[in-house]
């Protein structure tokens, strides 16, 4: 049987950091919602107190985002205010994840946040670093890849966003319930992981030796091929009993380092 054809390579957007930048922070998978006040506070403190010139959020900032018309109330309004305040002090970038791919221009404009395409090739410190949320590389999760291809089309998004917000909430709740049912009893290490061969193919095509991504909730450093490395970001969860997951990957001229989120002085 012939091997399945490799997926088409994505377009690699490029971003060049200003020469004056000294540090860039990467984080992802905060899954903010009404029930995550401690995680919210930790992010707000980090955005306020970090010494980095830029903070890039690589997807799943929100547990779910159903459209920018939700941005004026509740926890969404609080997040908008937090991001807007942070963006007056440093560059804040956002890349869509699988939970918040419906974040639109209105939200980011209100916050003063830079949209990052997925993937983005970041040039800084004389190096090239490939940034992605990571879900597009989890090829073994065939049903998810089919779902992702459907919901990322302009036609699907126009139709979905035309629904009343309460209808979108019901639809998202049903999808989430089914996802939780399928994952019942599983641990993050049981979920589909990034395909190493595909990650290496992306890196070679982009002319980069290192990749940073989130999505899998398996923080660590992994060699995907000789000389090619992916750095997986931590998810954040400071609200569940016994859970204190949160770290930041900082890029400086001497390399990438995992650090704890900044705390108030």
Protein backbone atom coordinates (compact mmCIF):
# COMPACT_ATOMS: atom_id res chain seq x y z
CA UNK A 1 0.00 0.00 0.00
CA UNK A 2 1.38 3.39 -0.92
CA UNK A 3 2.23 5.75 1.93
CA UNK A 4 -0.16 8.64 2.50
CA UNK A 5 0.96 11.86 0.87
CA UNK A 6 2.46 14.41 3.23
CA UNK A 7 0.22 17.42 3.95
CA UNK A 8 0.94 20.57 2.01
CA UNK A 9 3.45 22.79 3.73
CA UNK A 10 1.96 25.91 5.28
CA UNK A 11 2.96 29.42 4.34
CA UNK A 12 5.61 30.66 6.77
CA UNK A 13 4.95 34.24 7.82
CA UNK A 14 8.07 36.12 8.91
CA UNK A 15 8.59 38.62 11.70
CA UNK A 16 11.83 40.47 12.45
CA UNK A 17 12.38 41.62 16.00
CA UNK A 18 13.81 45.12 16.48
CA UNK A 19 17.54 45.07 17.09
CA UNK A 20 17.06 46.73 20.48
CA UNK A 21 15.06 43.82 21.91
CA UNK A 22 16.83 41.91 24.67
CA UNK A 23 14.26 39.27 25.63
CA UNK A 24 11.08 37.67 24.24
CA UNK A 25 8.71 35.58 26.35
CA UNK A 26 6.63 32.70 24.94
CA UNK A 27 3.67 31.10 26.67
CA UNK A 28 0.50 29.26 25.70
CA UNK A 29 -2.47 27.20 26.81
CA UNK A 30 -3.77 29.33 29.65
CA UNK A 31 -7.39 28.34 28.89
CA UNK A 32 -8.77 31.39 30.70
CA UNK A 33 -12.43 31.34 31.72
CA UNK A 34 -14.69 32.43 34.57
CA UNK A 35 -13.32 29.63 36.73
CA UNK A 36 -9.61 30.47 36.41
CA UNK A 37 -9.09 33.61 38.54
CA UNK A 38 -5.65 32.57 39.85
CA UNK A 39 -4.37 31.78 36.38
CA UNK A 40 -5.76 35.11 35.17
CA UNK A 41 -3.99 36.94 38.00
CA UNK A 42 -0.69 35.15 37.27
CA UNK A 43 -0.82 36.19 33.62
CA UNK A 44 -1.75 39.78 34.51
CA UNK A 45 1.18 39.97 36.90
CA UNK A 46 3.59 38.51 34.37
CA UNK A 47 2.48 40.91 31.66
CA UNK A 48 2.89 43.80 34.06
CA UNK A 49 6.21 42.79 35.63
CA UNK A 50 8.23 40.86 33.03
CA UNK A 51 11.40 42.51 31.79
CA UNK A 52 10.86 41.06 28.29
CA UNK A 53 10.43 43.45 25.37
CA UNK A 54 7.66 41.25 23.96
CA UNK A 55 5.31 38.52 25.16
CA UNK A 56 4.01 36.14 22.49
CA UNK A 57 0.98 34.01 23.42
CA UNK A 58 0.99 30.97 21.13
CA UNK A 59 -2.64 29.93 21.31
CA UNK A 60 -5.41 28.87 23.69
CA UNK A 61 -5.36 32.03 25.73
CA UNK A 62 -9.09 31.36 26.15
CA UNK A 63 -10.80 28.13 27.12
CA UNK A 64 -13.14 28.94 24.27
CA UNK A 65 -13.73 32.03 22.13
CA UNK A 66 -17.02 32.24 20.25
CA UNK A 67 -16.65 35.59 18.53
CA UNK A 68 -15.51 39.13 19.19
CA UNK A 69 -19.06 40.25 20.03
CA UNK A 70 -18.49 38.54 23.40
CA UNK A 71 -15.60 40.83 24.32
CA UNK A 72 -17.54 43.48 26.26
CA UNK A 73 -18.83 41.43 29.19
CA UNK A 74 -17.61 39.24 32.03
CA UNK A 75 -14.22 37.61 32.04
CA UNK A 76 -13.74 38.47 28.36
CA UNK A 77 -13.90 42.18 29.14
CA UNK A 78 -11.40 41.70 31.96
CA UNK A 79 -8.98 39.96 29.59
CA UNK A 80 -9.39 42.74 27.03
CA UNK A 81 -8.54 45.32 29.70
CA UNK A 82 -5.53 43.30 30.88
CA UNK A 83 -4.12 42.92 27.36
CA UNK A 84 -4.78 46.55 26.48
CA UNK A 85 -2.87 47.72 29.55
CA UNK A 86 0.02 45.34 28.86
CA UNK A 87 0.33 46.44 25.24
CA UNK A 88 1.08 50.00 26.35
CA UNK A 89 4.31 48.76 27.95
CA UNK A 90 5.58 46.09 25.55
CA UNK A 91 4.65 44.24 22.39
CA UNK A 92 2.04 41.56 23.02
CA UNK A 93 1.50 39.03 20.24
CA UNK A 94 -1.27 36.46 19.86
CA UNK A 95 -1.42 33.32 17.73
CA UNK A 96 -4.70 31.45 17.44
CA UNK A 97 -5.00 28.04 19.05
CA UNK A 98 -7.55 25.29 18.67
CA UNK A 99 -9.74 26.85 21.39
CA UNK A 100 -9.61 30.48 20.23
CA UNK A 101 -9.24 30.40 16.44
CA UNK A 102 -12.28 32.71 16.21
CA UNK A 103 -10.40 35.63 17.78
CA UNK A 104 -10.85 38.41 15.24
CA UNK A 105 -9.60 41.83 14.29
CA UNK A 106 -11.96 43.69 16.63
CA UNK A 107 -10.67 42.02 19.78
CA UNK A 108 -7.00 42.42 18.88
CA UNK A 109 -7.51 46.04 17.80
CA UNK A 110 -9.21 46.86 21.12
CA UNK A 111 -6.24 45.33 22.95
CA UNK A 112 -3.46 46.72 20.77
CA UNK A 113 -2.23 43.15 20.30
CA UNK A 114 -0.22 41.94 17.31
CA UNK A 115 -1.68 38.99 15.41
CA UNK A 116 0.83 36.22 14.74
CA UNK A 117 0.12 33.91 11.81
CA UNK A 118 0.49 30.18 12.41
CA UNK A 119 3.27 29.38 11.70
CA UNK A 120 5.54 32.42 12.03
CA UNK A 121 9.30 32.45 11.49
CA UNK A 122 10.73 34.86 14.03
CA UNK A 123 14.11 36.47 13.37
CA UNK A 124 15.92 37.70 16.50
CA UNK A 125 19.40 37.69 18.01
CA UNK A 126 20.86 36.56 14.70
CA UNK A 127 18.79 33.34 14.77
CA UNK A 128 15.55 31.96 13.30
CA UNK A 129 12.86 30.41 15.49
CA UNK A 130 9.70 28.79 14.12
CA UNK A 131 6.56 29.49 16.16
CA UNK A 132 3.32 27.50 15.95
CA UNK A 133 0.46 26.52 18.23
CA UNK A 134 1.21 22.89 17.40
CA UNK A 135 -2.20 21.38 16.68
CA UNK A 136 -1.64 21.26 12.90
CA UNK A 137 1.33 18.94 13.53
CA UNK A 138 -0.64 16.32 15.48
CA UNK A 139 -1.26 14.21 12.38
CA UNK A 140 -2.18 11.02 14.22
CA UNK A 141 -5.38 12.68 15.47
CA UNK A 142 -7.14 12.23 12.14
CA UNK A 143 -10.62 13.18 13.33
CA UNK A 144 -9.33 16.41 14.82
CA UNK A 145 -7.44 17.29 11.64
CA UNK A 146 -10.65 16.82 9.66
CA UNK A 147 -12.53 19.03 12.11
CA UNK A 148 -9.76 21.63 12.03
CA UNK A 149 -9.81 21.79 8.23
CA UNK A 150 -13.56 22.40 8.31
CA UNK A 151 -13.72 25.11 10.98
CA UNK A 152 -10.77 27.10 9.66
CA UNK A 153 -12.56 27.88 6.38
CA UNK A 154 -13.99 31.37 5.85
CA UNK A 155 -17.36 29.90 4.87
CA UNK A 156 -17.76 27.87 8.09
CA UNK A 157 -16.70 30.80 10.25
CA UNK A 158 -19.07 33.24 8.56
CA UNK A 159 -21.96 30.84 9.04
CA UNK A 160 -21.09 30.09 12.66
CA UNK A 161 -20.52 33.73 13.65
CA UNK A 162 -23.86 34.68 12.09
CA UNK A 163 -25.62 32.59 14.75
CA UNK A 164 -26.82 34.30 17.95
CA UNK A 165 -24.24 34.12 20.73
CA UNK A 166 -26.37 31.80 22.86
CA UNK A 167 -26.63 29.35 19.94
CA UNK A 168 -22.86 29.43 19.54
CA UNK A 169 -22.49 28.75 23.25
CA UNK A 170 -24.74 25.70 23.03
CA UNK A 171 -22.87 24.37 20.00
CA UNK A 172 -19.50 24.87 21.68
CA UNK A 173 -20.78 23.19 24.83
CA UNK A 174 -21.84 20.13 22.87
CA UNK A 175 -18.46 19.92 21.12
CA UNK A 176 -16.64 20.32 24.44
CA UNK A 177 -18.77 17.64 26.12
CA UNK A 178 -17.97 15.19 23.33
CA UNK A 179 -14.25 16.01 23.56
CA UNK A 180 -14.29 15.42 27.31
CA UNK A 181 -16.11 12.13 26.82
CA UNK A 182 -13.49 10.92 24.39
CA UNK A 183 -10.65 11.97 26.70
CA UNK A 184 -12.20 10.59 29.89
CA UNK A 185 -9.57 8.73 31.88
CA UNK A 186 -6.75 9.86 29.61
CA UNK A 187 -3.68 11.84 30.62
CA UNK A 188 -1.98 14.45 28.39
CA UNK A 189 0.69 11.88 27.54
CA UNK A 190 -2.06 9.69 26.08
CA UNK A 191 -3.14 12.38 23.61
CA UNK A 192 -1.83 12.59 20.07
CA UNK A 193 1.57 14.28 19.99
CA UNK A 194 3.30 16.35 17.35
CA UNK A 195 4.53 14.22 14.45
CA UNK A 196 8.33 14.44 14.63
CA UNK A 197 8.90 13.87 10.90
CA UNK A 198 6.41 16.59 9.99
CA UNK A 199 7.94 19.00 12.51
CA UNK A 200 11.35 18.34 10.97
CA UNK A 201 9.92 18.95 7.49
CA UNK A 202 8.53 22.31 8.60
CA UNK A 203 11.84 23.30 10.17
CA UNK A 204 13.84 22.40 7.06
CA UNK A 205 11.41 24.28 4.82
CA UNK A 206 11.61 27.35 7.06
CA UNK A 207 15.39 27.21 7.33
CA UNK A 208 15.22 27.06 11.13
CA UNK A 209 16.79 24.67 13.63
CA UNK A 210 14.36 25.25 16.49
CA UNK A 211 10.59 25.36 16.92
CA UNK A 212 8.45 26.57 19.84
CA UNK A 213 4.88 25.31 20.23
CA UNK A 214 2.17 24.59 22.78
CA UNK A 215 -1.04 22.57 22.50
CA UNK A 216 0.18 19.18 23.74
CA UNK A 217 0.57 20.10 27.44
CA UNK A 218 3.87 18.16 27.48
CA UNK A 219 6.52 20.77 28.29
CA UNK A 220 10.04 19.80 27.35
CA UNK A 221 12.77 19.84 24.75
CA UNK A 222 12.72 17.19 22.02
CA UNK A 223 15.07 16.47 19.13
CA UNK A 224 12.94 15.68 16.08
CA UNK A 225 15.90 14.99 13.78
CA UNK A 226 19.67 15.52 14.06
CA UNK A 227 20.21 19.20 14.70
CA UNK A 228 16.47 20.02 14.79
CA UNK A 229 14.70 20.68 18.10
CA UNK A 230 11.21 21.54 19.28
CA UNK A 231 10.54 23.27 22.61
CA UNK A 232 7.09 22.52 24.04
CA UNK A 233 5.44 25.15 26.21
CA UNK A 234 3.68 24.42 29.48
CA UNK A 235 -0.02 24.85 29.92
CA UNK A 236 -1.00 27.09 32.84
CA UNK A 237 -3.30 25.94 35.63
CA UNK A 238 -3.17 27.57 39.03
CA UNK A 239 -6.83 26.99 39.91
CA UNK A 240 -7.21 23.22 40.25
CA UNK A 241 -6.38 21.76 43.68
CA UNK A 242 -2.76 20.65 43.76
CA UNK A 243 -2.00 22.17 40.37
CA UNK A 244 0.70 24.80 39.92
CA UNK A 245 1.54 24.42 36.24
CA UNK A 246 2.87 27.60 34.68
CA UNK A 247 6.14 28.46 33.05
CA UNK A 248 7.50 30.82 30.45
CA UNK A 249 10.07 30.15 27.74
CA UNK A 250 12.32 33.19 27.41
CA UNK A 251 14.48 33.80 24.35
CA UNK A 252 17.59 35.91 24.81
CA UNK A 253 20.80 36.26 22.89
CA UNK A 254 22.33 33.31 24.76
CA UNK A 255 19.42 30.99 23.97
CA UNK A 256 16.09 29.71 25.31
CA UNK A 257 15.46 29.35 29.04
CA UNK A 258 12.46 28.15 31.05
CA UNK A 259 11.53 30.51 33.85
CA UNK A 260 8.70 30.99 36.32
CA UNK A 261 6.19 33.74 35.57
CA UNK A 262 7.18 37.14 36.91
CA UNK A 263 5.84 38.13 40.30
CA UNK A 264 4.94 41.54 41.67
CA UNK A 265 7.86 43.46 43.13
